[in-house]
Amino acid sequence: MDASPQKIINIAAYKFTPITELRVLRERLLAFGKSQKLKGSLLLAPEGVNLFMAGTPEGVDAFVDELRSIPGLEELKLKYSETDYQPFNRLLIRIKKEIIAFGVEGINPSLRTSPKLSAQTLKQWLDDGKPITLLDTRNDYEIKLGTFENAIPIGIDHFRDFPQAVEKLPHTLKERPVVMFCTGGIRCEKAGPFMEKMGFKNIFQLDGGILKYFEDCGGDHYNGECFVFDQRVGVDPSLHETGSDQCFNCLTPLTKEEQQDQRYVAGKSCPYCYQTQDDLRAQQIAQRHAQITKLSDPLPGSIPYDNFRPIKIQREFASQSLIHALGLIVPNIPATEWESLFSAQLILNSQRIPVLPNHRVKEGEIYLRKMPSITEPDVRLDISILYEDEALTVINKPAPLPIHASGRYNRNTLQYVVNQVYAPQKPHPAHRLDANTTGLVLLTRTRHFASLLQPQFEHGLVKKVYLAKVNGSPESDSFLCNAPIGAEPKEVGTRDVDFNNGLPSETHFTVIQRNPDGSTLLEARPITGRTNQIRVHLWHLDLPIVGDPVYVPSGQLGTRQTLDVTDPPLHLHAWKISFIHPLSRQPMTFEAPCPWANVKA
C-alpha cells in the first residue's frame, strides 16, 4: 500500500487458526516488532491472533511478512488505514486464553463459522431492499458513534454478555435472514456459530466488519462513524480519523459537539456522567459499607472453620522425606509436633488427601497443614471507605485489625473483608500498616493499577504523615531520627536499631502539643519505609508510643504483637497521604480523622 513518508500505516487483522509455542512466538514477535519501531497490541492464543498495530510503511510490511511466515497465518488478511501520527503509546504482545473473550465452550471459528457476506453483497441487498435484519454485536458505547440504518443493537456492555442478550431477542428472528456485524468481524466469528447453536437458521456475518465495508463501499446505508480501540476513537467512512473523543470517566464516545458542552472536562467527566458521577460513587460506597456491617456480625473468623496453611517445597528440600523437609522449612515447630500432625492426618497434599511422613517430596509441590475448627481473636471491623474509583480505594482502617493473613488471623483481616466486598476483584494494599495502627490504607483495584502506582512508593514520591502520642517530651519542637533499622525480625516479630547491619532509615518529627501528663502529640513523616519504623525510632529516642504492646518504656520489649479489642489503643494514626493518581496523573491528598485526638490540618 502506497503512503507518503510522513504517514503512519495502521493495520488490523485477526485469524482463527491453531497456534503453538506461544511463549517462544511472543518473544520472537516482540523483538521483531521493536526492531521495526512498531506500536500497538497483538494477542496470541491457542485459537489464533488478533492485532491492531501501526508504524512506518516499511516497518509494517516487514512485520506482516514475519507474521505470514508463521504456520497457519500464510494468508492473513489485513485492513489498512493512515494517520498523521502514531495512535498507540507502546508495543504490547500478550498471551491470552482467547483472542476475543467469549467464554462459551464448543465455539471454534478455526473449524467452522457462519456464512460470510461480502461488503459489496450487503450493499446490494440494502440497495435492493432485501428483507433482512441487521444485528449490531458491538458494545452500546461503540454503537453511539454510528451504525447501519435500521440495525438492531444487541444491547451489551461487554462481548461476554452476548449469550445472555441473544436469549432476549424475538423468537421470530430465528426464521429470518440475520446479518450480524462488528468493527472488524472478529466478534461475529464466535457470535454467528453461537446463534446457530441457539436455533437461528439464517445467520450471516459481514466479512471484515464495518471497516471493510467502509473500505469497499464507503458510507452508503451507514449513519455516523465507527468506533475504534485506539487514540483515534472514531473513523469516518473514508477511514480517516474524526474529531471524536472518549470520556475518561464513563468511556462514552463523544462527538465534537458534545466536547463543547461545559460539562465535558477532559480526564474527568462528560455530559453523560457529570451530574450523576458523585452520586453513583457515594451510592456504591454506601452499599459497600452495608456489606462490611453485615460481615461484622458475626465476625468472619469467629465462626469455627478448617484452615489450610500451604507449605511449598523449595529446591534445596527436594527428594527428602516430607517430615524432614517440613522440619527444615518451619523450624519453630518441633519434630514431635510434626509427628502428631501426621498421626492425626492433618498434613495433606494439594488435593487435600492425607500423606505419610516418609513420602519423598519434589520441588514446587505444595502441602497443606490442616488446622481444624479454628476461631480467631476479635478485631474491629468499622472500616470506612473514604474514596474509590476504577483504579483505587482509600480506606480508614480501625484497630486492632491486621491487613494480611498471618499468625492467628486469616479471615479477621482487612484483605479478607475487601475481597468479599469487592468480589470478584481483590484490591491489594499498596503499603503496610500495622494491625494496631489506625488510619489511611491505599489499595489498588487491579494488578495493572498496582504496577502504575507502586513505582511512586519505590522512589519515595508518596508522602505520608502520621500522628503519634508518645510517653515523654522531646527537647526540640522539630527533630529527626536516622538510626538504621535491622532487616531481620527479632522476638515477637520486632525490629530494632542496628548501627552495624541495619537499613538506612529516616523519620522527621514535629511537636503538635505538649500535654500536662507528660505525653506529647507528634507529627511523624517517614522518609523511608522500614517495618515498624516510626515505633522503632521513637522507642530508640526513649519516646515510646502510648499503648504500644511491643516497644514499651525503658527500652523493654513486650510479649505480644496484636492488641485485643478491649485493650487501650496504640496512639499511632496514619493521618495523611499524598500521591499522583495512576490514571489522571493528578495529585491527590487524603486525610483520615484521628480516633483519639482532635487535630486539624
Foldseek 3Di string as FASTA:
>chain_A
DDDDQQKKKKKWFWDFDADPPVVVVLVVLVVLLVVLVKAWEWEAARGIITTIIMDGPVSVVVSLVVQLVGPPCVPIDMFIDIDSDGQGDGYYYYYDHDNADAPDPPQRLVVPFAAEDELVRVLVCVVVVPPEAEEELDAPLQCVQKFFPRHDYLHHHGNNCNVVSLVPDDPVQLAGAYEYFYAQQPSRSRVGVVVVVVRRDHYYYHHGGPSSSLVPPNQPRMPGWGADPTQLRTAHSVRYRAPWGAALAPRRIGHPVQCPDPLDDHNHGGPVCSVCVVVVFVVLQVVLLVLLVVCVVPPPQAFFAKDKDKDFQAQVQAFFFQLVRVCVRPVVDDSVVSVVQLVVQQKAFPVRGRDHRRDGHHHGTMIIGIDGGGGAADWDRSKHWPGDGQWKTKIWFAAQAAADDDDRDHCRHVQNSVVVSVPPWRWDFLAGDHNQATEITMTTRDVVSSVLFNVCQVVQVKWWKKKFKWQADDPDQKDKDFFFKQPAADAQRHIEGDNPDGDTWMKIKGWDDQDPVRITIIMIITSHHHVCRVQRRCLVVQTHTPQQQASDGPRGGHHHHGDHPPGDGGRMYGAKMWDQRSRSRHIDMDGDQRPPDGDDD
